[in-house]
């Protein structure tokens, strides 16, 4: 593991130890965030799977109703019946925060309060199959909007999970080992310097003792 290009001093080692503690704390927080994001993501994916299966089944039914209506009605009459809708449906867009991820919230707003306004035609020249098709499509709309909300939320959360995973791996496999290796290197350098200092002090002490007691002749 590469070490940092720092001066091997006690002050630097103390600073690196503090940074190592911060890095380990951040690593734990990011792991907890990643795990919670994964839990929420899996819940959304499971809901998405169930809702998609439901929507696809309802779309098949709705499509079958339109096919039946087309079989018993003139195509021009069918097209003209659906040209001008009385009911206007809007979508309100909001957001909510899930573990620092802003995910969308969609809700439908019907601008016409009358339930019968979903039928943009008179009943005299249309078939009940068309009524069933329009009714099923109207009932399907909230599920379609909810499905869009979930799928966008899953996309945003997957991107955040990937970013968090990269940060966790960077701390776990690069930064923290680098801090630890640098601290170990500085500790070894300081210990080596301490041994050298003790050796010099012992040599100076011996020299002073020899000078004080006139033992220098044995070194001649």
Protein backbone atom coordinates (compact mmCIF):
# COMPACT_ATOMS: atom_id res chain seq x y z
CA UNK A 1 0.00 0.00 0.00
CA UNK A 2 1.38 3.43 -0.97
CA UNK A 3 1.98 5.83 1.87
CA UNK A 4 1.32 9.55 1.89
CA UNK A 5 4.08 12.02 1.16
CA UNK A 6 4.28 13.58 4.65
CA UNK A 7 6.96 14.44 7.16
CA UNK A 8 7.38 11.63 9.72
CA UNK A 9 6.73 13.73 12.81
CA UNK A 10 4.65 13.13 15.91
CA UNK A 11 2.43 16.11 15.07
CA UNK A 12 1.77 14.68 11.60
CA UNK A 13 1.04 11.24 13.06
CA UNK A 14 -1.46 12.75 15.52
CA UNK A 15 -3.14 14.60 12.65
CA UNK A 16 -3.35 11.43 10.55
CA UNK A 17 -4.80 9.47 13.47
CA UNK A 18 -7.60 12.02 13.79
CA UNK A 19 -8.24 11.84 10.05
CA UNK A 20 -8.27 8.03 10.25
CA UNK A 21 -10.92 8.14 12.99
CA UNK A 22 -13.01 10.51 10.83
CA UNK A 23 -12.58 8.26 7.77
CA UNK A 24 -13.69 5.18 9.73
CA UNK A 25 -16.72 7.03 11.08
CA UNK A 26 -17.62 8.20 7.59
CA UNK A 27 -17.14 4.68 6.26
CA UNK A 28 -19.58 3.29 8.82
CA UNK A 29 -22.16 6.00 8.08
CA UNK A 30 -21.90 5.40 4.33
CA UNK A 31 -22.25 1.63 4.81
CA UNK A 32 -25.36 2.19 6.92
CA UNK A 33 -26.73 4.55 4.25
CA UNK A 34 -25.96 2.03 1.50
CA UNK A 35 -27.67 -0.79 3.40
CA UNK A 36 -30.78 1.31 4.10
CA UNK A 37 -30.92 2.46 0.49
CA UNK A 38 -30.71 -1.15 -0.63
CA UNK A 39 -33.56 -2.10 1.71
CA UNK A 40 -35.78 0.71 0.43
CA UNK A 41 -34.76 -0.03 -3.17
CA UNK A 42 -35.71 -3.71 -2.84
CA UNK A 43 -39.10 -2.73 -1.41
CA UNK A 44 -39.72 -0.43 -4.38
CA UNK A 45 -38.58 -3.07 -6.87
CA UNK A 46 -40.96 -5.61 -5.36
CA UNK A 47 -43.82 -3.11 -5.48
CA UNK A 48 -42.85 -2.19 -9.03
CA UNK A 49 -42.97 -5.86 -10.09
CA UNK A 50 -46.44 -6.41 -8.63
CA UNK A 51 -47.82 -3.15 -9.99
CA UNK A 52 -46.36 -3.73 -13.47
CA UNK A 53 -47.96 -7.18 -13.63
CA UNK A 54 -51.28 -5.65 -12.55
CA UNK A 55 -51.02 -2.79 -15.08
CA UNK A 56 -50.09 -5.13 -17.93
CA UNK A 57 -53.07 -7.34 -17.14
CA UNK A 58 -55.39 -4.32 -16.99
CA UNK A 59 -53.96 -2.98 -20.26
CA UNK A 60 -54.78 -6.28 -21.95
CA UNK A 61 -58.36 -6.02 -20.73
CA UNK A 62 -58.59 -2.38 -21.81
CA UNK A 63 -57.14 -3.20 -25.21
CA UNK A 64 -59.61 -6.05 -25.63
CA UNK A 65 -62.50 -3.68 -24.90
CA UNK A 66 -61.28 -1.24 -27.56
CA UNK A 67 -60.89 -4.09 -30.07
CA UNK A 68 -64.45 -5.20 -29.35
CA UNK A 69 -65.70 -1.64 -29.70
CA UNK A 70 -63.91 -1.34 -33.03
CA UNK A 71 -65.52 -4.56 -34.19
CA UNK A 72 -69.08 -3.37 -33.63
CA UNK A 73 -68.67 0.32 -34.45
CA UNK A 74 -67.68 2.20 -37.56
CA UNK A 75 -64.05 3.33 -37.30
CA UNK A 76 -64.89 6.93 -38.15
CA UNK A 77 -67.63 6.96 -35.53
CA UNK A 78 -65.25 5.44 -33.00
CA UNK A 79 -62.56 8.03 -33.73
CA UNK A 80 -64.99 10.95 -33.58
CA UNK A 81 -66.43 9.66 -30.29
CA UNK A 82 -63.02 9.93 -28.66
CA UNK A 83 -61.91 13.21 -30.23
CA UNK A 84 -63.13 15.68 -27.59
CA UNK A 85 -62.87 14.63 -23.98
CA UNK A 86 -64.94 16.49 -21.41
CA UNK A 87 -62.72 15.52 -18.51
CA UNK A 88 -59.26 16.96 -18.10
CA UNK A 89 -56.80 15.08 -15.91
CA UNK A 90 -53.70 16.82 -14.56
CA UNK A 91 -50.69 15.49 -12.70
CA UNK A 92 -49.29 17.23 -9.65
CA UNK A 93 -45.55 16.63 -9.22
CA UNK A 94 -43.85 16.74 -5.85
CA UNK A 95 -40.81 15.17 -4.23
CA UNK A 96 -39.96 13.33 -1.06
CA UNK A 97 -36.56 12.63 0.43
CA UNK A 98 -35.42 9.05 0.95
CA UNK A 99 -31.93 8.85 2.47
CA UNK A 100 -30.84 12.13 0.79
CA UNK A 101 -32.42 11.09 -2.54
CA UNK A 102 -35.24 13.31 -3.83
CA UNK A 103 -37.70 10.95 -5.49
CA UNK A 104 -40.83 12.12 -7.33
CA UNK A 105 -44.39 11.95 -6.11
CA UNK A 106 -47.14 12.08 -8.71
CA UNK A 107 -50.84 12.53 -8.05
CA UNK A 108 -53.74 12.89 -10.47
CA UNK A 109 -56.07 15.87 -10.39
CA UNK A 110 -59.38 15.65 -12.25
CA UNK A 111 -60.53 19.10 -13.30
CA UNK A 112 -64.07 17.92 -13.92
CA UNK A 113 -65.88 16.62 -10.83
CA UNK A 114 -68.65 14.81 -12.73
CA UNK A 115 -67.99 11.08 -13.09
CA UNK A 116 -69.90 10.94 -16.36
CA UNK A 117 -67.46 13.38 -17.96
CA UNK A 118 -65.06 10.50 -18.65
CA UNK A 119 -67.34 9.59 -21.58
CA UNK A 120 -66.71 12.20 -24.32
CA UNK A 121 -69.70 11.09 -26.38
CA UNK A 122 -73.40 10.43 -26.29
CA UNK A 123 -74.65 6.93 -25.61
CA UNK A 124 -77.12 6.78 -28.51
CA UNK A 125 -74.62 5.95 -31.24
CA UNK A 126 -71.97 4.05 -29.31
CA UNK A 127 -71.67 0.54 -27.94
CA UNK A 128 -71.29 -0.65 -24.37
CA UNK A 129 -67.90 -2.11 -25.36
CA UNK A 130 -66.63 1.45 -25.82
CA UNK A 131 -68.05 2.38 -22.42
CA UNK A 132 -66.18 -0.53 -20.87
CA UNK A 133 -62.96 0.48 -22.67
CA UNK A 134 -63.13 4.09 -21.47
CA UNK A 135 -64.05 3.03 -17.93
CA UNK A 136 -61.17 0.53 -17.71
CA UNK A 137 -58.71 3.09 -19.09
CA UNK A 138 -59.88 5.68 -16.57
CA UNK A 139 -59.50 3.21 -13.70
CA UNK A 140 -56.06 2.26 -14.98
CA UNK A 141 -54.69 5.82 -14.99
CA UNK A 142 -53.76 6.07 -11.25
CA UNK A 143 -51.84 2.79 -11.46
CA UNK A 144 -49.97 3.99 -14.56
CA UNK A 145 -48.96 7.19 -12.80
CA UNK A 146 -47.93 5.29 -9.68
CA UNK A 147 -45.88 2.92 -11.84
CA UNK A 148 -44.09 5.86 -13.45
CA UNK A 149 -43.38 7.28 -9.99
CA UNK A 150 -41.94 4.00 -8.71
CA UNK A 151 -39.79 3.35 -11.76
CA UNK A 152 -38.28 6.85 -11.66
CA UNK A 153 -37.66 6.45 -7.92
CA UNK A 154 -35.91 3.13 -8.54
CA UNK A 155 -33.73 4.75 -11.21
CA UNK A 156 -32.68 7.61 -8.90
CA UNK A 157 -32.07 5.32 -5.93
CA UNK A 158 -30.02 2.88 -8.03
CA UNK A 159 -27.76 5.76 -9.11
CA UNK A 160 -27.35 6.89 -5.48
CA UNK A 161 -26.61 3.32 -4.34
CA UNK A 162 -23.86 3.08 -6.97
CA UNK A 163 -22.33 6.40 -5.87
CA UNK A 164 -22.46 5.38 -2.22
CA UNK A 165 -20.97 1.98 -3.01
CA UNK A 166 -18.02 3.61 -4.79
CA UNK A 167 -17.40 5.90 -1.81
CA UNK A 168 -17.55 2.99 0.63
CA UNK A 169 -15.10 0.97 -1.48
CA UNK A 170 -12.76 3.96 -1.84
CA UNK A 171 -12.64 4.47 1.92
CA UNK A 172 -12.44 0.76 2.73
CA UNK A 173 -9.84 -0.29 0.18
CA UNK A 174 -7.85 2.88 -0.51
CA UNK A 175 -8.08 5.71 2.00
CA UNK A 176 -8.25 3.84 5.32
CA UNK A 177 -5.44 1.38 4.43
CA UNK A 178 -3.35 4.32 3.20
CA UNK A 179 -3.85 6.20 6.46
CA UNK A 180 -2.97 3.07 8.45
CA UNK A 181 0.15 2.38 6.35
CA UNK A 182 1.33 5.99 6.68
CA UNK A 183 0.79 6.01 10.45
CA UNK A 184 2.70 2.73 10.74
CA UNK A 185 5.54 4.15 8.63
CA UNK A 186 5.76 7.30 10.77
CA UNK A 187 5.71 5.22 13.95
CA UNK A 188 8.58 3.08 12.65
CA UNK A 189 10.56 6.19 11.66
CA UNK A 190 10.01 7.77 15.06
CA UNK A 191 11.05 4.56 16.81
CA UNK A 192 14.15 4.39 14.64
CA UNK A 193 14.98 8.00 15.45
CA UNK A 194 14.46 7.30 19.17
CA UNK A 195 16.88 4.37 19.01
CA UNK A 196 19.45 6.49 17.19
CA UNK A 197 19.06 9.25 19.78
CA UNK A 198 19.49 6.79 22.68
CA UNK A 199 22.59 5.33 21.04
CA UNK A 200 24.12 8.79 20.61
CA UNK A 201 23.28 9.71 24.20
CA UNK A 202 24.85 6.52 25.51
CA UNK A 203 28.00 7.18 23.46
CA UNK A 204 28.18 10.77 24.74
CA UNK A 205 27.69 9.49 28.30
CA UNK A 206 30.52 6.99 27.88
CA UNK A 207 32.76 9.69 26.49
CA UNK A 208 32.01 11.97 29.45
CA UNK A 209 32.65 9.16 31.93
CA UNK A 210 35.92 8.29 30.28
CA UNK A 211 37.00 11.90 30.32
CA UNK A 212 35.98 12.34 33.97
CA UNK A 213 37.77 9.18 35.14
CA UNK A 214 40.73 9.38 32.74
CA UNK A 215 39.82 6.18 30.90
CA UNK A 216 40.74 7.47 27.51
CA UNK A 217 44.08 5.61 27.43
CA UNK A 218 42.34 2.29 26.76
CA UNK A 219 41.08 3.66 23.45
CA UNK A 220 44.59 4.72 22.32
